[in-house]
Amino acid sequence: MATTVYLVRHAAHDRVDSVLCGRMLGVGLGEDGRWQAEALARHFGRKAVDAVWTSPVQRARETAEPIAAELGLIAWDSDALCEIDFGAWTGRDFAVLRDDPLWHRWNEARGSERPPGGESMAEAQARAIGELERAREEHPEGGVVLVSHGDVIKAMVAGVLGLPLDAHARFDIAPASVSALAVWEGGGKVLRMNETVAA
């Protein structure tokens, strides 16, 4: 028995390439992101999905809600899918962070470093992998959509593949992308990764 888990990164917001928003309040989808969320909803409307769980962060909820509505489901909040807590870096421009030696160390050693006052990627991975296990237990032969964030999805994919977190930069998880896993008791595999859906 295997569960199909669809990992969806939230759709685009207006600061996606310029600001490390993290868990900032008030960061909703931009115009492109709303269009992407509707395209995702149409995509999943053709799939067998039993549940939609989402990070409670606004941009993730705004991505999950159209998907759930298309499926006749409710998008349930899951703190385990929340964005990494970036601590003091939350809200900082990437242009500023590029000059911070701690930022470079974090990106070179994701398996052991942590943002100042924040959460390590390993801690985020542990909680997110726990949600994969919950999806498997609650829907052992079904399909579940998990709407989350780029680094959290990378952590889940790395966990299933047995990759170290320091390998996070070897693959990309774009806004509004879909990655699919098959998970079963004691294991799993990646079916697809970082796919965008047609309009």
N, C-alpha and C. Protein backbone atom coordinates (compact mmCIF):
# COMPACT_ATOMS: atom_id res chain seq x y z
N MET A 1 0.84 -1.19 0.00
CA MET A 1 0.00 0.00 0.00
C MET A 1 0.88 1.24 0.00
N ALA A 2 0.52 2.20 -0.83
CA ALA A 2 1.28 3.44 -0.89
C ALA A 2 0.33 4.62 -0.97
N THR A 3 0.72 5.70 -0.37
CA THR A 3 0.00 6.97 -0.44
C THR A 3 0.69 7.88 -1.44
N THR A 4 -0.07 8.51 -2.30
CA THR A 4 0.50 9.51 -3.20
C THR A 4 0.40 10.87 -2.51
N VAL A 5 1.53 11.49 -2.30
CA VAL A 5 1.58 12.80 -1.64
C VAL A 5 2.06 13.83 -2.65
N TYR A 6 1.25 14.84 -2.86
CA TYR A 6 1.60 15.93 -3.77
C TYR A 6 2.11 17.11 -2.95
N LEU A 7 3.37 17.44 -3.13
CA LEU A 7 3.98 18.57 -2.42
C LEU A 7 3.87 19.80 -3.31
N VAL A 8 3.11 20.78 -2.87
CA VAL A 8 2.87 21.99 -3.65
C VAL A 8 3.52 23.17 -2.94
N ARG A 9 4.44 23.84 -3.64
CA ARG A 9 4.96 25.09 -3.08
C ARG A 9 3.94 26.18 -3.35
N HIS A 10 3.74 27.05 -2.37
CA HIS A 10 2.80 28.15 -2.54
C HIS A 10 3.10 28.92 -3.83
N ALA A 11 2.08 29.53 -4.38
CA ALA A 11 2.23 30.33 -5.59
C ALA A 11 2.97 31.63 -5.29
N ALA A 12 3.24 32.39 -6.33
CA ALA A 12 4.13 33.55 -6.23
C ALA A 12 3.49 34.73 -5.49
N HIS A 13 4.31 35.40 -4.72
CA HIS A 13 3.93 36.70 -4.14
C HIS A 13 4.89 37.75 -4.69
N ASP A 14 4.61 38.99 -4.43
CA ASP A 14 5.36 40.07 -5.09
C ASP A 14 6.78 40.24 -4.59
N ARG A 15 7.13 39.58 -3.48
CA ARG A 15 8.49 39.73 -2.93
C ARG A 15 9.29 38.43 -2.99
N VAL A 16 8.83 37.48 -3.81
CA VAL A 16 9.38 36.12 -3.77
C VAL A 16 10.88 36.08 -4.06
N ASP A 17 11.41 36.97 -4.88
CA ASP A 17 12.83 36.93 -5.23
C ASP A 17 13.65 38.03 -4.56
N SER A 18 13.02 38.85 -3.73
CA SER A 18 13.74 39.99 -3.17
C SER A 18 13.81 40.02 -1.65
N VAL A 19 12.85 39.40 -0.96
CA VAL A 19 12.78 39.47 0.50
C VAL A 19 12.62 38.06 1.07
N LEU A 20 13.34 37.79 2.16
CA LEU A 20 13.16 36.54 2.88
C LEU A 20 11.95 36.72 3.80
N CYS A 21 10.78 36.40 3.28
CA CYS A 21 9.55 36.68 4.02
C CYS A 21 9.35 35.75 5.22
N GLY A 22 9.76 34.50 5.08
CA GLY A 22 9.60 33.57 6.20
C GLY A 22 8.17 33.53 6.69
N ARG A 23 8.00 33.80 7.97
CA ARG A 23 6.67 33.74 8.57
C ARG A 23 6.04 35.13 8.74
N MET A 24 6.51 36.11 7.96
CA MET A 24 5.94 37.46 8.02
C MET A 24 4.43 37.41 7.81
N LEU A 25 3.73 38.28 8.51
CA LEU A 25 2.30 38.41 8.30
C LEU A 25 2.04 39.30 7.09
N GLY A 26 0.89 39.11 6.48
CA GLY A 26 0.46 40.01 5.42
C GLY A 26 1.12 39.81 4.07
N VAL A 27 1.75 38.65 3.85
CA VAL A 27 2.36 38.38 2.55
C VAL A 27 1.44 37.44 1.78
N GLY A 28 0.58 38.04 0.97
CA GLY A 28 -0.36 37.27 0.18
C GLY A 28 0.12 37.08 -1.24
N LEU A 29 -0.64 36.33 -2.01
CA LEU A 29 -0.28 36.09 -3.40
C LEU A 29 -0.40 37.36 -4.22
N GLY A 30 0.50 37.50 -5.18
CA GLY A 30 0.39 38.58 -6.14
C GLY A 30 -0.55 38.17 -7.27
N GLU A 31 -0.67 39.02 -8.28
CA GLU A 31 -1.56 38.72 -9.40
C GLU A 31 -1.17 37.42 -10.09
N ASP A 32 0.14 37.24 -10.35
CA ASP A 32 0.61 36.00 -10.97
C ASP A 32 0.31 34.80 -10.07
N GLY A 33 0.50 34.99 -8.77
CA GLY A 33 0.26 33.90 -7.84
C GLY A 33 -1.19 33.47 -7.79
N ARG A 34 -2.11 34.41 -7.87
CA ARG A 34 -3.53 34.05 -7.88
C ARG A 34 -3.88 33.25 -9.14
N TRP A 35 -3.29 33.65 -10.25
CA TRP A 35 -3.50 32.91 -11.49
C TRP A 35 -2.91 31.49 -11.36
N GLN A 36 -1.72 31.38 -10.75
CA GLN A 36 -1.10 30.07 -10.55
C GLN A 36 -1.95 29.18 -9.65
N ALA A 37 -2.52 29.77 -8.59
CA ALA A 37 -3.34 29.00 -7.66
C ALA A 37 -4.58 28.44 -8.36
N GLU A 38 -5.18 29.23 -9.24
CA GLU A 38 -6.33 28.74 -9.99
C GLU A 38 -5.93 27.62 -10.95
N ALA A 39 -4.77 27.76 -11.58
CA ALA A 39 -4.28 26.70 -12.47
C ALA A 39 -4.02 25.42 -11.68
N LEU A 40 -3.48 25.53 -10.49
CA LEU A 40 -3.26 24.36 -9.63
C LEU A 40 -4.60 23.71 -9.27
N ALA A 41 -5.59 24.54 -8.97
CA ALA A 41 -6.91 23.99 -8.63
C ALA A 41 -7.47 23.18 -9.78
N ARG A 42 -7.38 23.70 -11.00
CA ARG A 42 -7.88 22.95 -12.15
C ARG A 42 -7.10 21.65 -12.35
N HIS A 43 -5.80 21.71 -12.12
CA HIS A 43 -4.95 20.52 -12.25
C HIS A 43 -5.39 19.43 -11.27
N PHE A 44 -5.57 19.79 -10.01
CA PHE A 44 -5.90 18.78 -9.00
C PHE A 44 -7.36 18.35 -9.09
N GLY A 45 -8.19 19.15 -9.74
CA GLY A 45 -9.58 18.76 -9.93
C GLY A 45 -9.72 17.49 -10.75
N ARG A 46 -8.66 17.11 -11.46
CA ARG A 46 -8.67 15.89 -12.28
C ARG A 46 -7.98 14.72 -11.59
N LYS A 47 -7.60 14.89 -10.33
CA LYS A 47 -6.86 13.85 -9.62
C LYS A 47 -7.68 13.31 -8.44
N ALA A 48 -7.32 12.11 -8.01
CA ALA A 48 -7.95 11.50 -6.85
C ALA A 48 -7.22 11.99 -5.59
N VAL A 49 -7.84 12.90 -4.89
CA VAL A 49 -7.24 13.49 -3.69
C VAL A 49 -8.24 13.39 -2.54
N ASP A 50 -7.77 12.91 -1.42
CA ASP A 50 -8.62 12.71 -0.25
C ASP A 50 -8.52 13.83 0.78
N ALA A 51 -7.41 14.57 0.77
CA ALA A 51 -7.22 15.61 1.78
C ALA A 51 -6.26 16.68 1.27
N VAL A 52 -6.47 17.89 1.76
CA VAL A 52 -5.58 19.01 1.47
C VAL A 52 -5.16 19.61 2.80
N TRP A 53 -3.86 19.58 3.06
CA TRP A 53 -3.30 20.17 4.27
C TRP A 53 -2.37 21.29 3.86
N THR A 54 -2.35 22.36 4.64
CA THR A 54 -1.57 23.52 4.26
C THR A 54 -0.84 24.18 5.42
N SER A 55 0.30 24.73 5.12
CA SER A 55 0.95 25.65 6.04
C SER A 55 -0.05 26.76 6.35
N PRO A 56 -0.10 27.24 7.60
CA PRO A 56 -1.03 28.31 7.93
C PRO A 56 -0.58 29.70 7.45
N VAL A 57 0.62 29.80 6.90
CA VAL A 57 1.12 31.09 6.40
C VAL A 57 0.22 31.54 5.25
N GLN A 58 -0.10 32.84 5.21
CA GLN A 58 -1.12 33.36 4.30
C GLN A 58 -0.94 32.93 2.85
N ARG A 59 0.26 33.05 2.31
CA ARG A 59 0.46 32.74 0.89
C ARG A 59 0.22 31.26 0.59
N ALA A 60 0.48 30.41 1.57
CA ALA A 60 0.20 28.98 1.40
C ALA A 60 -1.30 28.72 1.46
N ARG A 61 -1.98 29.34 2.42
CA ARG A 61 -3.44 29.16 2.53
C ARG A 61 -4.13 29.64 1.26
N GLU A 62 -3.67 30.78 0.71
CA GLU A 62 -4.29 31.32 -0.49
C GLU A 62 -4.04 30.43 -1.71
N THR A 63 -3.03 29.60 -1.65
CA THR A 63 -2.78 28.61 -2.69
C THR A 63 -3.63 27.37 -2.47
N ALA A 64 -3.75 26.95 -1.22
CA ALA A 64 -4.47 25.71 -0.89
C ALA A 64 -5.98 25.83 -1.04
N GLU A 65 -6.53 26.98 -0.72
CA GLU A 65 -7.99 27.10 -0.68
C GLU A 65 -8.65 26.86 -2.03
N PRO A 66 -8.14 27.41 -3.14
CA PRO A 66 -8.77 27.08 -4.43
C PRO A 66 -8.65 25.60 -4.80
N ILE A 67 -7.53 24.98 -4.43
CA ILE A 67 -7.37 23.54 -4.69
C ILE A 67 -8.43 22.76 -3.93
N ALA A 68 -8.57 23.05 -2.64
CA ALA A 68 -9.55 22.34 -1.82
C ALA A 68 -10.97 22.58 -2.33
N ALA A 69 -11.27 23.82 -2.70
CA ALA A 69 -12.61 24.13 -3.18
C ALA A 69 -12.93 23.35 -4.46
N GLU A 70 -11.96 23.25 -5.35
CA GLU A 70 -12.17 22.50 -6.60
C GLU A 70 -12.47 21.03 -6.31
N LEU A 71 -11.88 20.51 -5.24
CA LEU A 71 -12.05 19.11 -4.87
C LEU A 71 -13.24 18.87 -3.94
N GLY A 72 -13.90 19.94 -3.51
CA GLY A 72 -14.98 19.80 -2.54
C GLY A 72 -14.48 19.44 -1.15
N LEU A 73 -13.26 19.86 -0.83
CA LEU A 73 -12.64 19.56 0.46
C LEU A 73 -12.36 20.85 1.23
N ILE A 74 -11.91 20.69 2.45
CA ILE A 74 -11.47 21.82 3.28
C ILE A 74 -9.95 21.78 3.35
N ALA A 75 -9.31 22.94 3.23
CA ALA A 75 -7.85 23.04 3.41
C ALA A 75 -7.57 23.16 4.91
N TRP A 76 -7.03 22.09 5.47
CA TRP A 76 -6.77 22.06 6.92
C TRP A 76 -5.37 22.59 7.21
N ASP A 77 -5.28 23.48 8.21
CA ASP A 77 -3.98 24.01 8.62
C ASP A 77 -3.13 22.93 9.27
N SER A 78 -1.84 22.97 8.94
CA SER A 78 -0.86 22.06 9.54
C SER A 78 0.38 22.86 9.92
N ASP A 79 0.60 23.05 11.21
CA ASP A 79 1.79 23.78 11.65
C ASP A 79 3.06 23.07 11.20
N ALA A 80 3.00 21.76 11.02
CA ALA A 80 4.18 21.01 10.60
C ALA A 80 4.64 21.38 9.20
N LEU A 81 3.76 21.98 8.40
CA LEU A 81 4.11 22.40 7.04
C LEU A 81 4.50 23.86 6.97
N CYS A 82 4.56 24.54 8.11
CA CYS A 82 4.86 25.97 8.15
C CYS A 82 6.28 26.25 7.62
N GLU A 83 6.46 27.46 7.15
CA GLU A 83 7.78 27.90 6.70
C GLU A 83 8.80 27.78 7.83
N ILE A 84 10.05 27.61 7.48
CA ILE A 84 11.12 27.64 8.48
C ILE A 84 11.08 28.98 9.21
N ASP A 85 11.30 28.96 10.49
CA ASP A 85 11.40 30.19 11.27
C ASP A 85 12.80 30.76 11.06
N PHE A 86 12.90 31.86 10.32
CA PHE A 86 14.19 32.43 9.99
C PHE A 86 14.69 33.43 11.03
N GLY A 87 13.99 33.55 12.16
CA GLY A 87 14.48 34.38 13.25
C GLY A 87 14.76 35.81 12.81
N ALA A 88 15.97 36.28 13.13
CA ALA A 88 16.35 37.68 12.86
C ALA A 88 16.42 38.00 11.38
N TRP A 89 16.48 37.00 10.54
CA TRP A 89 16.53 37.25 9.09
C TRP A 89 15.16 37.51 8.47
N THR A 90 14.10 37.24 9.20
CA THR A 90 12.75 37.41 8.66
C THR A 90 12.55 38.84 8.18
N GLY A 91 12.12 38.99 6.94
CA GLY A 91 11.86 40.31 6.38
C GLY A 91 13.06 41.02 5.79
N ARG A 92 14.22 40.38 5.83
CA ARG A 92 15.43 41.01 5.30
C ARG A 92 15.51 40.85 3.79
N ASP A 93 16.04 41.85 3.13
CA ASP A 93 16.27 41.76 1.69
C ASP A 93 17.40 40.77 1.42
N PHE A 94 17.24 39.98 0.36
CA PHE A 94 18.30 39.06 -0.02
C PHE A 94 19.59 39.81 -0.36
N ALA A 95 19.47 41.01 -0.90
CA ALA A 95 20.65 41.81 -1.24
C ALA A 95 21.48 42.12 0.00
N VAL A 96 20.82 42.32 1.13
CA VAL A 96 21.52 42.58 2.40
C VAL A 96 22.10 41.28 2.95
N LEU A 97 21.32 40.21 2.88
CA LEU A 97 21.78 38.93 3.41
C LEU A 97 23.02 38.41 2.70
N ARG A 98 23.18 38.76 1.44
CA ARG A 98 24.34 38.27 0.69
C ARG A 98 25.66 38.73 1.30
N ASP A 99 25.64 39.80 2.08
CA ASP A 99 26.85 40.32 2.73
C ASP A 99 27.02 39.78 4.15
N ASP A 100 26.14 38.92 4.58
CA ASP A 100 26.17 38.39 5.95
C ASP A 100 26.90 37.05 5.96
N PRO A 101 28.04 36.93 6.66
CA PRO A 101 28.76 35.64 6.69
C PRO A 101 27.93 34.50 7.28
N LEU A 102 27.02 34.82 8.21
CA LEU A 102 26.16 33.77 8.77
C LEU A 102 25.22 33.21 7.71
N TRP A 103 24.78 34.06 6.80
CA TRP A 103 23.92 33.62 5.70
C TRP A 103 24.66 32.62 4.81
N HIS A 104 25.93 32.93 4.52
CA HIS A 104 26.73 32.02 3.70
C HIS A 104 26.95 30.69 4.41
N ARG A 105 27.21 30.76 5.72
CA ARG A 105 27.43 29.53 6.48
C ARG A 105 26.17 28.67 6.51
N TRP A 106 25.01 29.32 6.69
CA TRP A 106 23.72 28.61 6.68
C TRP A 106 23.51 27.89 5.37
N ASN A 107 23.81 28.54 4.25
CA ASN A 107 23.58 27.94 2.95
C ASN A 107 24.61 26.87 2.59
N GLU A 108 25.74 26.88 3.23
CA GLU A 108 26.76 25.86 2.99
C GLU A 108 26.61 24.66 3.90
N ALA A 109 25.92 24.83 5.03
CA ALA A 109 25.83 23.75 6.03
C ALA A 109 24.42 23.67 6.60
N ARG A 110 23.46 23.44 5.73
CA ARG A 110 22.06 23.40 6.17
C ARG A 110 21.80 22.28 7.18
N GLY A 111 22.61 21.26 7.16
CA GLY A 111 22.39 20.17 8.08
C GLY A 111 22.77 20.47 9.52
N SER A 112 23.56 21.53 9.74
CA SER A 112 24.04 21.80 11.10
C SER A 112 23.84 23.25 11.57
N GLU A 113 23.70 24.18 10.65
CA GLU A 113 23.56 25.60 11.03
C GLU A 113 22.09 25.97 11.22
N ARG A 114 21.87 27.16 11.78
CA ARG A 114 20.52 27.67 11.95
C ARG A 114 20.54 29.19 11.82
N PRO A 115 19.44 29.80 11.36
CA PRO A 115 19.36 31.26 11.33
C PRO A 115 19.44 31.81 12.75
N PRO A 116 19.96 33.03 12.91
CA PRO A 116 20.05 33.60 14.26
C PRO A 116 18.67 33.75 14.90
N GLY A 117 18.48 33.07 16.02
CA GLY A 117 17.21 33.12 16.72
C GLY A 117 16.11 32.31 16.05
N GLY A 118 16.47 31.47 15.08
CA GLY A 118 15.47 30.74 14.31
C GLY A 118 15.57 29.24 14.44
N GLU A 119 15.06 28.56 13.45
CA GLU A 119 14.91 27.11 13.45
C GLU A 119 15.88 26.50 12.45
N SER A 120 16.44 25.36 12.78
CA SER A 120 17.32 24.69 11.83
C SER A 120 16.49 23.98 10.76
N MET A 121 17.11 23.73 9.62
CA MET A 121 16.42 23.01 8.57
C MET A 121 16.16 21.56 9.00
N ALA A 122 17.03 21.02 9.84
CA ALA A 122 16.82 19.66 10.34
C ALA A 122 15.56 19.59 11.21
N GLU A 123 15.32 20.62 12.01
CA GLU A 123 14.10 20.65 12.82
C GLU A 123 12.86 20.75 11.91
N ALA A 124 12.95 21.58 10.88
CA ALA A 124 11.84 21.70 9.93
C ALA A 124 11.61 20.37 9.21
N GLN A 125 12.70 19.70 8.86
CA GLN A 125 12.58 18.40 8.19
C GLN A 125 11.87 17.39 9.08
N ALA A 126 12.23 17.35 10.35
CA ALA A 126 11.63 16.37 11.27
C ALA A 126 10.13 16.55 11.36
N ARG A 127 9.67 17.81 11.48
CA ARG A 127 8.22 18.02 11.60
C ARG A 127 7.51 17.73 10.28
N ALA A 128 8.15 18.07 9.15
CA ALA A 128 7.52 17.86 7.85
C ALA A 128 7.46 16.37 7.49
N ILE A 129 8.53 15.63 7.80
CA ILE A 129 8.51 14.18 7.56
C ILE A 129 7.43 13.52 8.42
N GLY A 130 7.21 14.07 9.61
CA GLY A 130 6.11 13.59 10.45
C GLY A 130 4.76 13.71 9.76
N GLU A 131 4.57 14.77 8.97
CA GLU A 131 3.32 14.93 8.22
C GLU A 131 3.21 13.93 7.09
N LEU A 132 4.33 13.59 6.45
CA LEU A 132 4.29 12.53 5.45
C LEU A 132 3.82 11.22 6.07
N GLU A 133 4.32 10.93 7.26
CA GLU A 133 3.93 9.72 7.95
C GLU A 133 2.45 9.76 8.33
N ARG A 134 1.97 10.93 8.77
CA ARG A 134 0.55 11.06 9.11
C ARG A 134 -0.32 10.86 7.86
N ALA A 135 0.12 11.43 6.74
CA ALA A 135 -0.64 11.24 5.49
C ALA A 135 -0.72 9.76 5.13
N ARG A 136 0.40 9.05 5.30
CA ARG A 136 0.41 7.62 5.00
C ARG A 136 -0.52 6.86 5.92
N GLU A 137 -0.52 7.19 7.19
CA GLU A 137 -1.34 6.47 8.15
C GLU A 137 -2.83 6.75 7.94
N GLU A 138 -3.17 8.02 7.64
CA GLU A 138 -4.59 8.38 7.53
C GLU A 138 -5.18 8.04 6.16
N HIS A 139 -4.33 7.99 5.13
CA HIS A 139 -4.81 7.73 3.77
C HIS A 139 -3.87 6.71 3.10
N PRO A 140 -3.89 5.46 3.59
CA PRO A 140 -2.86 4.48 3.18
C PRO A 140 -2.85 4.14 1.69
N GLU A 141 -3.94 4.34 1.00
CA GLU A 141 -3.95 4.08 -0.45
C GLU A 141 -4.55 5.27 -1.20
N GLY A 142 -4.51 6.44 -0.58
CA GLY A 142 -5.15 7.61 -1.16
C GLY A 142 -4.16 8.64 -1.66
N GLY A 143 -4.68 9.85 -1.85
CA GLY A 143 -3.86 10.96 -2.30
C GLY A 143 -4.04 12.15 -1.37
N VAL A 144 -2.95 12.82 -1.05
CA VAL A 144 -2.98 13.97 -0.15
C VAL A 144 -2.16 15.09 -0.76
N VAL A 145 -2.72 16.30 -0.75
CA VAL A 145 -1.99 17.50 -1.19
C VAL A 145 -1.46 18.21 0.05
N LEU A 146 -0.15 18.46 0.08
CA LEU A 146 0.47 19.23 1.16
C LEU A 146 1.01 20.53 0.55
N VAL A 147 0.48 21.67 0.97
CA VAL A 147 0.92 22.97 0.47
C VAL A 147 1.89 23.55 1.48
N SER A 148 3.11 23.83 1.04
CA SER A 148 4.14 24.27 1.97
C SER A 148 5.07 25.28 1.28
N HIS A 149 6.33 25.27 1.66
CA HIS A 149 7.31 26.28 1.26
C HIS A 149 8.54 25.59 0.67
N GLY A 150 9.30 26.34 -0.11
CA GLY A 150 10.40 25.76 -0.87
C GLY A 150 11.37 24.94 -0.04
N ASP A 151 11.91 25.51 1.02
CA ASP A 151 12.91 24.79 1.81
C ASP A 151 12.31 23.61 2.57
N VAL A 152 11.06 23.74 2.98
CA VAL A 152 10.41 22.64 3.70
C VAL A 152 10.17 21.47 2.74
N ILE A 153 9.75 21.78 1.52
CA ILE A 153 9.56 20.73 0.52
C ILE A 153 10.90 20.10 0.16
N LYS A 154 11.93 20.92 0.01
CA LYS A 154 13.27 20.36 -0.25
C LYS A 154 13.67 19.39 0.86
N ALA A 155 13.37 19.76 2.10
CA ALA A 155 13.73 18.91 3.24
C ALA A 155 12.99 17.57 3.17
N MET A 156 11.71 17.60 2.77
CA MET A 156 10.96 16.35 2.65
C MET A 156 11.51 15.48 1.52
N VAL A 157 11.77 16.09 0.37
CA VAL A 157 12.32 15.33 -0.75
C VAL A 157 13.67 14.73 -0.38
N ALA A 158 14.53 15.54 0.26
CA ALA A 158 15.84 15.04 0.67
C ALA A 158 15.70 13.87 1.64
N GLY A 159 14.73 13.97 2.54
CA GLY A 159 14.51 12.89 3.50
C GLY A 159 14.11 11.59 2.82
N VAL A 160 13.20 11.67 1.85
CA VAL A 160 12.75 10.47 1.15
C VAL A 160 13.88 9.88 0.31
N LEU A 161 14.70 10.74 -0.29
CA LEU A 161 15.81 10.26 -1.13
C LEU A 161 17.05 9.86 -0.33
N GLY A 162 17.06 10.15 0.97
CA GLY A 162 18.24 9.86 1.77
C GLY A 162 19.40 10.80 1.50
N LEU A 163 19.10 12.02 1.03
CA LEU A 163 20.15 13.01 0.77
C LEU A 163 20.42 13.84 2.02
N PRO A 164 21.66 14.27 2.23
CA PRO A 164 21.93 15.19 3.33
C PRO A 164 21.31 16.55 3.02
N LEU A 165 20.95 17.29 4.06
CA LEU A 165 20.36 18.61 3.86
C LEU A 165 21.34 19.57 3.19
N ASP A 166 22.62 19.32 3.32
CA ASP A 166 23.61 20.18 2.65
C ASP A 166 23.50 20.09 1.13
N ALA A 167 22.74 19.12 0.63
CA ALA A 167 22.54 18.97 -0.82
C ALA A 167 21.34 19.77 -1.31
N HIS A 168 20.79 20.63 -0.47
CA HIS A 168 19.56 21.34 -0.80
C HIS A 168 19.66 22.16 -2.09
N ALA A 169 20.84 22.65 -2.43
CA ALA A 169 20.99 23.51 -3.62
C ALA A 169 21.12 22.70 -4.91
N ARG A 170 21.10 21.38 -4.82
CA ARG A 170 21.25 20.56 -6.03
C ARG A 170 19.96 20.44 -6.83
N PHE A 171 18.85 20.85 -6.25
CA PHE A 171 17.59 20.83 -6.99
C PHE A 171 16.73 22.02 -6.58
N ASP A 172 15.78 22.35 -7.43
CA ASP A 172 14.96 23.54 -7.21
C ASP A 172 13.52 23.15 -6.94
N ILE A 173 12.84 23.96 -6.15
CA ILE A 173 11.40 23.84 -5.93
C ILE A 173 10.82 25.23 -6.17
N ALA A 174 10.25 25.43 -7.34
CA ALA A 174 9.79 26.75 -7.76
C ALA A 174 8.41 27.07 -7.19
N PRO A 175 8.06 28.36 -7.11
CA PRO A 175 6.70 28.72 -6.69
C PRO A 175 5.66 28.04 -7.59
N ALA A 176 4.60 27.55 -6.97
CA ALA A 176 3.48 26.89 -7.65
C ALA A 176 3.87 25.59 -8.32
N SER A 177 5.00 25.02 -7.95
CA SER A 177 5.40 23.73 -8.52
C SER A 177 4.78 22.58 -7.74
N VAL A 178 4.70 21.43 -8.41
CA VAL A 178 4.17 20.21 -7.81
C VAL A 178 5.25 19.13 -7.87
N SER A 179 5.52 18.53 -6.72
CA SER A 179 6.39 17.35 -6.65
C SER A 179 5.55 16.22 -6.05
N ALA A 180 5.70 15.02 -6.57
CA ALA A 180 4.87 13.91 -6.11
C ALA A 180 5.73 12.80 -5.53
N LEU A 181 5.28 12.27 -4.41
CA LEU A 181 5.95 11.16 -3.74
C LEU A 181 4.98 9.99 -3.60
N ALA A 182 5.52 8.79 -3.60
CA ALA A 182 4.79 7.61 -3.14
C ALA A 182 5.44 7.22 -1.81
N VAL A 183 4.64 7.14 -0.76
CA VAL A 183 5.18 6.79 0.55
C VAL A 183 4.45 5.57 1.10
N TRP A 184 5.20 4.69 1.72
CA TRP A 184 4.66 3.49 2.32
C TRP A 184 5.37 3.26 3.63
N GLU A 185 4.91 2.31 4.39
CA GLU A 185 5.52 2.05 5.69
C GLU A 185 6.98 1.70 5.51
N GLY A 186 7.86 2.52 6.07
CA GLY A 186 9.29 2.26 6.01
C GLY A 186 10.00 2.79 4.79
N GLY A 187 9.30 3.49 3.90
CA GLY A 187 10.01 3.98 2.72
C GLY A 187 9.17 4.87 1.82
N GLY A 188 9.75 5.23 0.70
CA GLY A 188 9.06 6.07 -0.28
C GLY A 188 9.97 6.33 -1.46
N LYS A 189 9.40 6.97 -2.47
CA LYS A 189 10.19 7.35 -3.64
C LYS A 189 9.59 8.61 -4.25
N VAL A 190 10.41 9.32 -5.02
CA VAL A 190 9.97 10.51 -5.72
C VAL A 190 9.43 10.08 -7.08
N LEU A 191 8.21 10.49 -7.37
CA LEU A 191 7.57 10.19 -8.66
C LEU A 191 7.82 11.30 -9.67
N ARG A 192 7.71 12.54 -9.22
CA ARG A 192 7.94 13.72 -10.07
C ARG A 192 8.43 14.84 -9.18
N MET A 193 9.16 15.79 -9.77
CA MET A 193 9.68 16.87 -8.94
C MET A 193 9.66 18.19 -9.70
N ASN A 194 9.19 19.24 -9.01
CA ASN A 194 9.29 20.62 -9.48
C ASN A 194 8.60 20.84 -10.82
N GLU A 195 7.43 20.22 -11.00
CA GLU A 195 6.68 20.40 -12.24
C GLU A 195 5.72 21.57 -12.12
N THR A 196 5.58 22.32 -13.19
CA THR A 196 4.57 23.37 -13.23
C THR A 196 3.38 22.86 -14.02
N VAL A 197 2.21 23.39 -13.72
CA VAL A 197 0.99 22.89 -14.35
C VAL A 197 0.55 23.85 -15.45
N ALA A 198 -0.13 23.30 -16.43
CA ALA A 198 -0.63 24.11 -17.54
C ALA A 198 -1.80 24.96 -17.08
N ALA A 199 -2.00 26.07 -17.74
CA ALA A 199 -3.11 26.97 -17.38
C ALA A 199 -4.44 26.31 -17.65
